[in-house]
mmCIF file of all heavy atoms, coordinates in Angstrom:
data_MODEL
# 
_entry.id   MODEL 
# 
loop_
_atom_site.group_PDB 
_atom_site.id 
_atom_site.type_symbol 
_atom_site.label_atom_id 
_atom_site.label_alt_id 
_atom_site.label_comp_id 
_atom_site.label_asym_id 
_atom_site.label_entity_id 
_atom_site.label_seq_id 
_atom_site.pdbx_PDB_ins_code 
_atom_site.Cartn_x 
_atom_site.Cartn_y 
_atom_site.Cartn_z 
_atom_site.occupancy 
_atom_site.B_iso_or_equiv 
_atom_site.pdbx_formal_charge 
_atom_site.auth_seq_id 
_atom_site.auth_comp_id 
_atom_site.auth_asym_id 
_atom_site.auth_atom_id 
_atom_site.pdbx_PDB_model_num 
ATOM 1   N N   . TYR A 1 1  ? 127.385 0.992   -68.960 1.00 0.00 ? 1  TYR A N   1 
ATOM 2   C CA  . TYR A 1 1  ? 128.743 0.601   -68.595 1.00 0.00 ? 1  TYR A CA  1 
ATOM 3   C C   . TYR A 1 1  ? 128.741 -0.454  -67.496 1.00 0.00 ? 1  TYR A C   1 
ATOM 4   O O   . TYR A 1 1  ? 127.984 -0.354  -66.531 1.00 0.00 ? 1  TYR A O   1 
ATOM 5   C CB  . TYR A 1 1  ? 129.550 1.830   -68.169 1.00 0.00 ? 1  TYR A CB  1 
ATOM 6   C CG  . TYR A 1 1  ? 129.701 2.801   -69.304 1.00 0.00 ? 1  TYR A CG  1 
ATOM 7   C CD1 . TYR A 1 1  ? 128.822 3.862   -69.460 1.00 0.00 ? 1  TYR A CD1 1 
ATOM 8   C CD2 . TYR A 1 1  ? 130.691 2.617   -70.252 1.00 0.00 ? 1  TYR A CD2 1 
ATOM 9   C CE1 . TYR A 1 1  ? 128.936 4.734   -70.534 1.00 0.00 ? 1  TYR A CE1 1 
ATOM 10  C CE2 . TYR A 1 1  ? 130.813 3.487   -71.320 1.00 0.00 ? 1  TYR A CE2 1 
ATOM 11  C CZ  . TYR A 1 1  ? 129.932 4.541   -71.454 1.00 0.00 ? 1  TYR A CZ  1 
ATOM 12  O OH  . TYR A 1 1  ? 130.042 5.394   -72.522 1.00 0.00 ? 1  TYR A OH  1 
ATOM 13  N N   . LEU A 1 2  ? 129.590 -1.445  -67.657 1.00 0.00 ? 2  LEU A N   1 
ATOM 14  C CA  . LEU A 1 2  ? 129.724 -2.516  -66.677 1.00 0.00 ? 2  LEU A CA  1 
ATOM 15  C C   . LEU A 1 2  ? 130.647 -2.085  -65.543 1.00 0.00 ? 2  LEU A C   1 
ATOM 16  O O   . LEU A 1 2  ? 131.595 -1.322  -65.767 1.00 0.00 ? 2  LEU A O   1 
ATOM 17  C CB  . LEU A 1 2  ? 130.313 -3.769  -67.346 1.00 0.00 ? 2  LEU A CB  1 
ATOM 18  C CG  . LEU A 1 2  ? 129.534 -4.333  -68.536 1.00 0.00 ? 2  LEU A CG  1 
ATOM 19  C CD1 . LEU A 1 2  ? 130.295 -5.505  -69.150 1.00 0.00 ? 2  LEU A CD1 1 
ATOM 20  C CD2 . LEU A 1 2  ? 128.139 -4.754  -68.110 1.00 0.00 ? 2  LEU A CD2 1 
ATOM 21  N N   . LYS A 1 3  ? 130.401 -2.584  -64.359 1.00 0.00 ? 3  LYS A N   1 
ATOM 22  C CA  . LYS A 1 3  ? 131.281 -2.293  -63.212 1.00 0.00 ? 3  LYS A CA  1 
ATOM 23  C C   . LYS A 1 3  ? 132.622 -2.994  -63.365 1.00 0.00 ? 3  LYS A C   1 
ATOM 24  O O   . LYS A 1 3  ? 133.641 -2.503  -62.911 1.00 0.00 ? 3  LYS A O   1 
ATOM 25  C CB  . LYS A 1 3  ? 130.621 -2.714  -61.892 1.00 0.00 ? 3  LYS A CB  1 
ATOM 26  C CG  . LYS A 1 3  ? 129.405 -1.896  -61.555 1.00 0.00 ? 3  LYS A CG  1 
ATOM 27  C CD  . LYS A 1 3  ? 129.790 -0.479  -61.236 1.00 0.00 ? 3  LYS A CD  1 
ATOM 28  C CE  . LYS A 1 3  ? 128.550 0.331   -60.879 1.00 0.00 ? 3  LYS A CE  1 
ATOM 29  N NZ  . LYS A 1 3  ? 128.790 1.739   -60.866 1.00 0.00 ? 3  LYS A NZ  1 
ATOM 30  N N   . GLN A 1 4  ? 132.609 -4.166  -64.013 1.00 0.00 ? 4  GLN A N   1 
ATOM 31  C CA  . GLN A 1 4  ? 133.838 -4.905  -64.275 1.00 0.00 ? 4  GLN A CA  1 
ATOM 32  C C   . GLN A 1 4  ? 133.857 -5.314  -65.733 1.00 0.00 ? 4  GLN A C   1 
ATOM 33  O O   . GLN A 1 4  ? 132.830 -5.716  -66.283 1.00 0.00 ? 4  GLN A O   1 
ATOM 34  C CB  . GLN A 1 4  ? 133.918 -6.169  -63.427 1.00 0.00 ? 4  GLN A CB  1 
ATOM 35  C CG  . GLN A 1 4  ? 134.218 -5.925  -61.988 1.00 0.00 ? 4  GLN A CG  1 
ATOM 36  C CD  . GLN A 1 4  ? 134.482 -7.250  -61.303 1.00 0.00 ? 4  GLN A CD  1 
ATOM 37  O OE1 . GLN A 1 4  ? 133.648 -8.132  -61.309 1.00 0.00 ? 4  GLN A OE1 1 
ATOM 38  N NE2 . GLN A 1 4  ? 135.665 -7.369  -60.723 1.00 0.00 ? 4  GLN A NE2 1 
ATOM 39  N N   . MET A 1 5  ? 135.020 -5.217  -66.339 1.00 0.00 ? 5  MET A N   1 
ATOM 40  C CA  . MET A 1 5  ? 135.152 -5.657  -67.723 1.00 0.00 ? 5  MET A CA  1 
ATOM 41  C C   . MET A 1 5  ? 135.086 -7.181  -67.782 1.00 0.00 ? 5  MET A C   1 
ATOM 42  O O   . MET A 1 5  ? 135.457 -7.865  -66.825 1.00 0.00 ? 5  MET A O   1 
ATOM 43  C CB  . MET A 1 5  ? 136.475 -5.174  -68.311 1.00 0.00 ? 5  MET A CB  1 
ATOM 44  C CG  . MET A 1 5  ? 136.546 -3.684  -68.462 1.00 0.00 ? 5  MET A CG  1 
ATOM 45  S SD  . MET A 1 5  ? 138.047 -3.147  -69.327 1.00 0.00 ? 5  MET A SD  1 
ATOM 46  C CE  . MET A 1 5  ? 139.270 -3.384  -68.051 1.00 0.00 ? 5  MET A CE  1 
ATOM 47  N N   . LEU A 1 6  ? 134.617 -7.681  -68.920 1.00 0.00 ? 6  LEU A N   1 
ATOM 48  C CA  . LEU A 1 6  ? 134.550 -9.121  -69.168 1.00 0.00 ? 6  LEU A CA  1 
ATOM 49  C C   . LEU A 1 6  ? 135.408 -9.451  -70.374 1.00 0.00 ? 6  LEU A C   1 
ATOM 50  O O   . LEU A 1 6  ? 135.374 -8.712  -71.370 1.00 0.00 ? 6  LEU A O   1 
ATOM 51  C CB  . LEU A 1 6  ? 133.110 -9.544  -69.475 1.00 0.00 ? 6  LEU A CB  1 
ATOM 52  C CG  . LEU A 1 6  ? 132.052 -9.225  -68.430 1.00 0.00 ? 6  LEU A CG  1 
ATOM 53  C CD1 . LEU A 1 6  ? 130.672 -9.502  -68.992 1.00 0.00 ? 6  LEU A CD1 1 
ATOM 54  C CD2 . LEU A 1 6  ? 132.317 -10.043 -67.185 1.00 0.00 ? 6  LEU A CD2 1 
ATOM 55  N N   . PRO A 1 7  ? 136.153 -10.542 -70.346 1.00 0.00 ? 7  PRO A N   1 
ATOM 56  C CA  . PRO A 1 7  ? 136.937 -10.915 -71.527 1.00 0.00 ? 7  PRO A CA  1 
ATOM 57  C C   . PRO A 1 7  ? 136.012 -11.184 -72.713 1.00 0.00 ? 7  PRO A C   1 
ATOM 58  O O   . PRO A 1 7  ? 135.048 -11.956 -72.599 1.00 0.00 ? 7  PRO A O   1 
ATOM 59  C CB  . PRO A 1 7  ? 137.666 -12.192 -71.104 1.00 0.00 ? 7  PRO A CB  1 
ATOM 60  C CG  . PRO A 1 7  ? 137.553 -12.250 -69.618 1.00 0.00 ? 7  PRO A CG  1 
ATOM 61  C CD  . PRO A 1 7  ? 136.334 -11.476 -69.234 1.00 0.00 ? 7  PRO A CD  1 
ATOM 62  N N   . ALA A 1 8  ? 136.254 -10.533 -73.822 1.00 0.00 ? 8  ALA A N   1 
ATOM 63  C CA  . ALA A 1 8  ? 135.418 -10.736 -75.016 1.00 0.00 ? 8  ALA A CA  1 
ATOM 64  C C   . ALA A 1 8  ? 135.454 -12.199 -75.443 1.00 0.00 ? 8  ALA A C   1 
ATOM 65  O O   . ALA A 1 8  ? 134.434 -12.740 -75.890 1.00 0.00 ? 8  ALA A O   1 
ATOM 66  C CB  . ALA A 1 8  ? 135.892 -9.829  -76.150 1.00 0.00 ? 8  ALA A CB  1 
ATOM 67  N N   . ALA A 1 9  ? 136.588 -12.844 -75.281 1.00 0.00 ? 9  ALA A N   1 
ATOM 68  C CA  . ALA A 1 9  ? 136.721 -14.245 -75.685 1.00 0.00 ? 9  ALA A CA  1 
ATOM 69  C C   . ALA A 1 9  ? 135.797 -15.158 -74.882 1.00 0.00 ? 9  ALA A C   1 
ATOM 70  O O   . ALA A 1 9  ? 135.454 -16.245 -75.341 1.00 0.00 ? 9  ALA A O   1 
ATOM 71  C CB  . ALA A 1 9  ? 138.170 -14.701 -75.535 1.00 0.00 ? 9  ALA A CB  1 
ATOM 72  N N   . GLY A 1 10 ? 135.362 -14.726 -73.716 1.00 0.00 ? 10 GLY A N   1 
ATOM 73  C CA  . GLY A 1 10 ? 134.497 -15.543 -72.873 1.00 0.00 ? 10 GLY A CA  1 
ATOM 74  C C   . GLY A 1 10 ? 133.017 -15.398 -73.166 1.00 0.00 ? 10 GLY A C   1 
ATOM 75  O O   . GLY A 1 10 ? 132.190 -16.095 -72.579 1.00 0.00 ? 10 GLY A O   1 
ATOM 76  N N   . ILE A 1 11 ? 132.658 -14.502 -74.070 1.00 0.00 ? 11 ILE A N   1 
ATOM 77  C CA  . ILE A 1 11 ? 131.245 -14.287 -74.416 1.00 0.00 ? 11 ILE A CA  1 
ATOM 78  C C   . ILE A 1 11 ? 130.792 -15.387 -75.369 1.00 0.00 ? 11 ILE A C   1 
ATOM 79  O O   . ILE A 1 11 ? 131.449 -15.651 -76.381 1.00 0.00 ? 11 ILE A O   1 
ATOM 80  C CB  . ILE A 1 11 ? 131.032 -12.903 -75.071 1.00 0.00 ? 11 ILE A CB  1 
ATOM 81  C CG1 . ILE A 1 11 ? 131.519 -11.782 -74.155 1.00 0.00 ? 11 ILE A CG1 1 
ATOM 82  C CG2 . ILE A 1 11 ? 129.591 -12.716 -75.508 1.00 0.00 ? 11 ILE A CG2 1 
ATOM 83  C CD1 . ILE A 1 11 ? 130.706 -11.559 -72.913 1.00 0.00 ? 11 ILE A CD1 1 
ATOM 84  N N   . ASP A 1 12 ? 129.670 -16.004 -75.069 1.00 0.00 ? 12 ASP A N   1 
ATOM 85  C CA  . ASP A 1 12 ? 129.108 -17.054 -75.923 1.00 0.00 ? 12 ASP A CA  1 
ATOM 86  C C   . ASP A 1 12 ? 128.391 -16.393 -77.100 1.00 0.00 ? 12 ASP A C   1 
ATOM 87  O O   . ASP A 1 12 ? 127.237 -15.979 -76.988 1.00 0.00 ? 12 ASP A O   1 
ATOM 88  C CB  . ASP A 1 12 ? 128.144 -17.929 -75.122 1.00 0.00 ? 12 ASP A CB  1 
ATOM 89  C CG  . ASP A 1 12 ? 127.539 -19.051 -75.939 1.00 0.00 ? 12 ASP A CG  1 
ATOM 90  O OD1 . ASP A 1 12 ? 127.879 -19.205 -77.135 1.00 0.00 ? 12 ASP A OD1 1 
ATOM 91  O OD2 . ASP A 1 12 ? 126.694 -19.787 -75.370 1.00 0.00 ? 12 ASP A OD2 1 
ATOM 92  N N   . ARG A 1 13 ? 129.090 -16.303 -78.215 1.00 0.00 ? 13 ARG A N   1 
ATOM 93  C CA  . ARG A 1 13 ? 128.550 -15.625 -79.398 1.00 0.00 ? 13 ARG A CA  1 
ATOM 94  C C   . ARG A 1 13 ? 127.364 -16.355 -79.999 1.00 0.00 ? 13 ARG A C   1 
ATOM 95  O O   . ARG A 1 13 ? 126.545 -15.742 -80.690 1.00 0.00 ? 13 ARG A O   1 
ATOM 96  C CB  . ARG A 1 13 ? 129.648 -15.452 -80.433 1.00 0.00 ? 13 ARG A CB  1 
ATOM 97  C CG  . ARG A 1 13 ? 130.722 -14.489 -79.928 1.00 0.00 ? 13 ARG A CG  1 
ATOM 98  C CD  . ARG A 1 13 ? 131.858 -14.376 -80.868 1.00 0.00 ? 13 ARG A CD  1 
ATOM 99  N NE  . ARG A 1 13 ? 131.425 -13.754 -82.098 1.00 0.00 ? 13 ARG A NE  1 
ATOM 100 C CZ  . ARG A 1 13 ? 132.228 -13.278 -83.012 1.00 0.00 ? 13 ARG A CZ  1 
ATOM 101 N NH1 . ARG A 1 13 ? 133.523 -13.343 -82.840 1.00 0.00 ? 13 ARG A NH1 1 
ATOM 102 N NH2 . ARG A 1 13 ? 131.762 -12.745 -84.109 1.00 0.00 ? 13 ARG A NH2 1 
ATOM 103 N N   . SER A 1 14 ? 127.224 -17.646 -79.751 1.00 0.00 ? 14 SER A N   1 
ATOM 104 C CA  . SER A 1 14 ? 126.093 -18.389 -80.310 1.00 0.00 ? 14 SER A CA  1 
ATOM 105 C C   . SER A 1 14 ? 124.766 -17.861 -79.765 1.00 0.00 ? 14 SER A C   1 
ATOM 106 O O   . SER A 1 14 ? 123.735 -17.975 -80.415 1.00 0.00 ? 14 SER A O   1 
ATOM 107 C CB  . SER A 1 14 ? 126.230 -19.885 -80.026 1.00 0.00 ? 14 SER A CB  1 
ATOM 108 O OG  . SER A 1 14 ? 126.057 -20.160 -78.646 1.00 0.00 ? 14 SER A OG  1 
ATOM 109 N N   . ARG A 1 15 ? 124.798 -17.240 -78.620 1.00 0.00 ? 15 ARG A N   1 
ATOM 110 C CA  . ARG A 1 15 ? 123.575 -16.687 -78.018 1.00 0.00 ? 15 ARG A CA  1 
ATOM 111 C C   . ARG A 1 15 ? 123.148 -15.378 -78.687 1.00 0.00 ? 15 ARG A C   1 
ATOM 112 O O   . ARG A 1 15 ? 122.061 -14.878 -78.426 1.00 0.00 ? 15 ARG A O   1 
ATOM 113 C CB  . ARG A 1 15 ? 123.785 -16.484 -76.538 1.00 0.00 ? 15 ARG A CB  1 
ATOM 114 C CG  . ARG A 1 15 ? 124.085 -17.834 -75.843 1.00 0.00 ? 15 ARG A CG  1 
ATOM 115 C CD  . ARG A 1 15 ? 124.129 -17.689 -74.394 1.00 0.00 ? 15 ARG A CD  1 
ATOM 116 N NE  . ARG A 1 15 ? 122.763 -17.423 -73.953 1.00 0.00 ? 15 ARG A NE  1 
ATOM 117 C CZ  . ARG A 1 15 ? 122.406 -17.332 -72.701 1.00 0.00 ? 15 ARG A CZ  1 
ATOM 118 N NH1 . ARG A 1 15 ? 123.310 -17.481 -71.766 1.00 0.00 ? 15 ARG A NH1 1 
ATOM 119 N NH2 . ARG A 1 15 ? 121.163 -17.076 -72.360 1.00 0.00 ? 15 ARG A NH2 1 
ATOM 120 N N   . LEU A 1 16 ? 124.006 -14.834 -79.537 1.00 0.00 ? 16 LEU A N   1 
ATOM 121 C CA  . LEU A 1 16 ? 123.675 -13.584 -80.224 1.00 0.00 ? 16 LEU A CA  1 
ATOM 122 C C   . LEU A 1 16 ? 122.809 -13.811 -81.452 1.00 0.00 ? 16 LEU A C   1 
ATOM 123 O O   . LEU A 1 16 ? 122.370 -12.855 -82.087 1.00 0.00 ? 16 LEU A O   1 
ATOM 124 C CB  . LEU A 1 16 ? 124.953 -12.833 -80.607 1.00 0.00 ? 16 LEU A CB  1 
ATOM 125 C CG  . LEU A 1 16 ? 125.814 -12.364 -79.440 1.00 0.00 ? 16 LEU A CG  1 
ATOM 126 C CD1 . LEU A 1 16 ? 127.077 -11.703 -79.958 1.00 0.00 ? 16 LEU A CD1 1 
ATOM 127 C CD2 . LEU A 1 16 ? 125.033 -11.433 -78.541 1.00 0.00 ? 16 LEU A CD2 1 
ATOM 128 N N   . ASP A 1 17 ? 122.600 -15.064 -81.810 1.00 0.00 ? 17 ASP A N   1 
ATOM 129 C CA  . ASP A 1 17 ? 121.702 -15.433 -82.904 1.00 0.00 ? 17 ASP A CA  1 
ATOM 130 C C   . ASP A 1 17 ? 121.991 -14.666 -84.199 1.00 0.00 ? 17 ASP A C   1 
ATOM 131 O O   . ASP A 1 17 ? 121.109 -14.082 -84.810 1.00 0.00 ? 17 ASP A O   1 
ATOM 132 C CB  . ASP A 1 17 ? 120.240 -15.224 -82.471 1.00 0.00 ? 17 ASP A CB  1 
ATOM 133 C CG  . ASP A 1 17 ? 119.256 -15.969 -83.361 1.00 0.00 ? 17 ASP A CG  1 
ATOM 134 O OD1 . ASP A 1 17 ? 119.648 -16.989 -83.960 1.00 0.00 ? 17 ASP A OD1 1 
ATOM 135 O OD2 . ASP A 1 17 ? 118.097 -15.514 -83.462 1.00 0.00 ? 17 ASP A OD2 1 
ATOM 136 N N   . GLY A 1 18 ? 123.284 -14.623 -84.572 1.00 0.00 ? 18 GLY A N   1 
ATOM 137 C CA  . GLY A 1 18 ? 123.675 -14.009 -85.836 1.00 0.00 ? 18 GLY A CA  1 
ATOM 138 C C   . GLY A 1 18 ? 123.916 -12.508 -85.776 1.00 0.00 ? 18 GLY A C   1 
ATOM 139 O O   . GLY A 1 18 ? 124.305 -11.913 -86.773 1.00 0.00 ? 18 GLY A O   1 
ATOM 140 N N   . ILE A 1 19 ? 123.696 -11.888 -84.653 1.00 0.00 ? 19 ILE A N   1 
ATOM 141 C CA  . ILE A 1 19 ? 123.952 -10.450 -84.499 1.00 0.00 ? 19 ILE A CA  1 
ATOM 142 C C   . ILE A 1 19 ? 125.440 -10.258 -84.217 1.00 0.00 ? 19 ILE A C   1 
ATOM 143 O O   . ILE A 1 19 ? 126.036 -10.987 -83.434 1.00 0.00 ? 19 ILE A O   1 
ATOM 144 C CB  . ILE A 1 19 ? 123.115 -9.864  -83.343 1.00 0.00 ? 19 ILE A CB  1 
ATOM 145 C CG1 . ILE A 1 19 ? 121.628 -10.014 -83.648 1.00 0.00 ? 19 ILE A CG1 1 
ATOM 146 C CG2 . ILE A 1 19 ? 123.485 -8.403  -83.093 1.00 0.00 ? 19 ILE A CG2 1 
ATOM 147 C CD1 . ILE A 1 19 ? 120.733 -9.672  -82.481 1.00 0.00 ? 19 ILE A CD1 1 
ATOM 148 N N   . ALA A 1 20 ? 126.044 -9.289  -84.868 1.00 0.00 ? 20 ALA A N   1 
ATOM 149 C CA  . ALA A 1 20 ? 127.461 -9.005  -84.637 1.00 0.00 ? 20 ALA A CA  1 
ATOM 150 C C   . ALA A 1 20 ? 127.654 -8.542  -83.192 1.00 0.00 ? 20 ALA A C   1 
ATOM 151 O O   . ALA A 1 20 ? 126.874 -7.725  -82.692 1.00 0.00 ? 20 ALA A O   1 
ATOM 152 C CB  . ALA A 1 20 ? 127.944 -7.929  -85.597 1.00 0.00 ? 20 ALA A CB  1 
ATOM 153 N N   . PRO A 1 21 ? 128.682 -9.042  -82.514 1.00 0.00 ? 21 PRO A N   1 
ATOM 154 C CA  . PRO A 1 21 ? 128.906 -8.637  -81.121 1.00 0.00 ? 21 PRO A CA  1 
ATOM 155 C C   . PRO A 1 21 ? 129.071 -7.126  -80.961 1.00 0.00 ? 21 PRO A C   1 
ATOM 156 O O   . PRO A 1 21 ? 128.680 -6.562  -79.941 1.00 0.00 ? 21 PRO A O   1 
ATOM 157 C CB  . PRO A 1 21 ? 130.192 -9.362  -80.716 1.00 0.00 ? 21 PRO A CB  1 
ATOM 158 C CG  . PRO A 1 21 ? 130.506 -10.316 -81.788 1.00 0.00 ? 21 PRO A CG  1 
ATOM 159 C CD  . PRO A 1 21 ? 129.672 -9.993  -82.983 1.00 0.00 ? 21 PRO A CD  1 
ATOM 160 N N   . GLU A 1 22 ? 129.613 -6.460  -81.972 1.00 0.00 ? 22 GLU A N   1 
ATOM 161 C CA  . GLU A 1 22 ? 129.816 -5.001  -81.898 1.00 0.00 ? 22 GLU A CA  1 
ATOM 162 C C   . GLU A 1 22 ? 128.496 -4.228  -81.924 1.00 0.00 ? 22 GLU A C   1 
ATOM 163 O O   . GLU A 1 22 ? 128.480 -3.030  -81.660 1.00 0.00 ? 22 GLU A O   1 
ATOM 164 C CB  . GLU A 1 22 ? 130.716 -4.529  -83.034 1.00 0.00 ? 22 GLU A CB  1 
ATOM 165 C CG  . GLU A 1 22 ? 132.140 -5.015  -82.920 1.00 0.00 ? 22 GLU A CG  1 
ATOM 166 C CD  . GLU A 1 22 ? 132.389 -6.382  -83.557 1.00 0.00 ? 22 GLU A CD  1 
ATOM 167 O OE1 . GLU A 1 22 ? 131.420 -7.037  -84.006 1.00 0.00 ? 22 GLU A OE1 1 
ATOM 168 O OE2 . GLU A 1 22 ? 133.545 -6.805  -83.607 1.00 0.00 ? 22 GLU A OE2 1 
ATOM 169 N N   . GLU A 1 23 ? 127.384 -4.895  -82.244 1.00 0.00 ? 23 GLU A N   1 
ATOM 170 C CA  . GLU A 1 23 ? 126.062 -4.257  -82.165 1.00 0.00 ? 23 GLU A CA  1 
ATOM 171 C C   . GLU A 1 23 ? 125.509 -4.309  -80.749 1.00 0.00 ? 23 GLU A C   1 
ATOM 172 O O   . GLU A 1 23 ? 124.599 -3.553  -80.412 1.00 0.00 ? 23 GLU A O   1 
ATOM 173 C CB  . GLU A 1 23 ? 125.073 -4.949  -83.100 1.00 0.00 ? 23 GLU A CB  1 
ATOM 174 C CG  . GLU A 1 23 ? 125.375 -4.747  -84.574 1.00 0.00 ? 23 GLU A CG  1 
ATOM 175 C CD  . GLU A 1 23 ? 124.345 -5.425  -85.453 1.00 0.00 ? 23 GLU A CD  1 
ATOM 176 O OE1 . GLU A 1 23 ? 123.220 -4.877  -85.558 1.00 0.00 ? 23 GLU A OE1 1 
ATOM 177 O OE2 . GLU A 1 23 ? 124.660 -6.473  -86.039 1.00 0.00 ? 23 GLU A OE2 1 
ATOM 178 N N   . VAL A 1 24 ? 126.042 -5.201  -79.932 1.00 0.00 ? 24 VAL A N   1 
ATOM 179 C CA  . VAL A 1 24 ? 125.513 -5.459  -78.601 1.00 0.00 ? 24 VAL A CA  1 
ATOM 180 C C   . VAL A 1 24 ? 126.455 -5.001  -77.492 1.00 0.00 ? 24 VAL A C   1 
ATOM 181 O O   . VAL A 1 24 ? 126.016 -4.596  -76.426 1.00 0.00 ? 24 VAL A O   1 
ATOM 182 C CB  . VAL A 1 24 ? 125.233 -6.981  -78.441 1.00 0.00 ? 24 VAL A CB  1 
ATOM 183 C CG1 . VAL A 1 24 ? 124.678 -7.309  -77.071 1.00 0.00 ? 24 VAL A CG1 1 
ATOM 184 C CG2 . VAL A 1 24 ? 124.309 -7.475  -79.545 1.00 0.00 ? 24 VAL A CG2 1 
# 
């Protein structure tokens, strides 16, 4: 668990290399 939430829209999905964000 994170101490502070992060906006999902701000996550750089290209760094996930094809992995669905819901897996990470």
